[in-house]
Amino acid sequence: MTERNFTRRHAIKTGAALAGASAANLALFAQAWAQSAPWKPEAGAKIQLLRWKRFVQSEEDSFMALVAAYTKATGVDVKVINESLDDVQPKASVAANTNQGPDMFWGLYSLPHLFPAKCVDVTDVANFLGKKYGGWVPTAETYGKSGGKWIAIPVAYNGNVINYRQSMIEKAGFKEMPKDTAGFLDLMKGLKEKSVPGGFALGRASGDGNAWVHWALWAHGGNLVDKSDKVIINSPETVKALEYVKALSDTFVSGTASWNDAFNNKAFLESQVSLTNNGVSIYAAAKAAAAKGDAKAKEVMDDMNHSLWPVGPVGKPTEFHIAYPLMIMKYSKVPNACKAFMAFMLDAAQFDKWLIDSVAYLTHPLNAYDANPVWKSDPKLSMLRDAGKRTLTAGGLGSVGEKAASALADFIVLDMMASVATGRTSIKDAIAVAERQAKRIYR
């Protein structure tokens, strides 16, 4: 029996059991884990953890139950601070520069690579979890490692997919989501002409905005840098990508230039758009409201579905799903307590239930969790299982390091796309600005 086969079966059994587990049972699991864990928290340890603000209430509730179980098992008090996606990076940067602040930051994409020297080496945690749960998906290793060591644990991914209303795309003349970019543009045109328009965020939306514009760039063969981190954004492929994005944006509902990561959720739930990109938090919100008797929410829930991104001229998927890495700051006085929390969080007794309660909004970085029951719970969610395996990483062709993290944090690609989509600048000028910005970072 291999370790991976064992853990897959274990994940199925554990997930099924924990779906209805009581708080008392979770506490027992936690106590048993704490007794055998390799990391023993420092005496009197307290942890302050800053995380991204939840988009699915049941995910946050489950996470806080996990935190409470850890505290009960170890005696370590964990204070959780919630911040919007856009606020995590600047707060983490300030903490890294001043050597004071929360012990742990849970952010997105390649955040730890902005200050790798300020992150605690967590190679021991990564190796422990990888051995126990069938190994890491390759992109998790890319996001987690710097200079041959792990500087963060990529706890989860938010699969960013096309959310759409079936009745609305049918009114536009389509039975299903087109599989290629040309067909997708035809659908968007049809939605504007015959149905309800779609729309993607063109404001500085760290999650949804970055996800779709990078997909569009990569789908046409464009890249910010090459495999040697040489800036190559000024290319015919980038021109094609910008021409496509301009044509696509001409079909958008009005107002997308100011959308952040919450605007598209609201617009979709209120039936103001027929199609947008997001995780499955929109579906989860509609489901939760429908369960409370909201007839409009039930209409949205029943009518909506999800699709993977269309494939562009490059001929292969170019999806960009959001990674959520968790790091420990070197100034923390309780690194062992933090390491223990990391390992506890991704242990099957906790992680399986958290995935279930995240209703597929989040997916996993460890192979054994392919077997989690949530992936078979609803056919509208099953495609999210492999987000961590399908996604490209923040560096595109290039490395995931401090420079790639800076380029993403500065919204170089998103601003370039938005300036053309809104008509603020020409394609030539937009590329020139992006090239100058990128060369300052990648010099």
Foldseek 3Di string as FASTA:
>chain_A
DALQVVLLVVLQVLLVVLLPDDLVVLLVVLLVCQVPDPFAWDPPAEFEEEEEADLFVLLVVLVVSLQVSNCSNRVYHYHYHYDHQLPQLVVVVVCLVVVDDGQKYKHKFQSCQLPLVFFDFLQVLQVVLQRNHVHFQVVQCQSQDDPHTGRWGQFWWQQKFKKFFQVLLVQLPDNDQDQALVVNLSSQQSSLVGGAHAAFALALALARLVFVLQQLLVLQPAAQAAAVLHGDNPDPSVVVSLVSLLSNLVSHDPDRNHDYQCVNLVCLLVVNHGMYIAGCSSLSVLVVVVVVPDPSSVSSNVRMATDHDHHHPVPAGAGAIMTIIMTGGPSDPTVSSVSSSVSSCPPSSSVLNSCQSCLLSIEGGGPSCLSRCSLVPDVRRVVSHCSSNRYDGQNRNYGSHSLSVVLSSVCLSSNLSSCSNVVVDPNVVSSVVSSVVSVVSSD
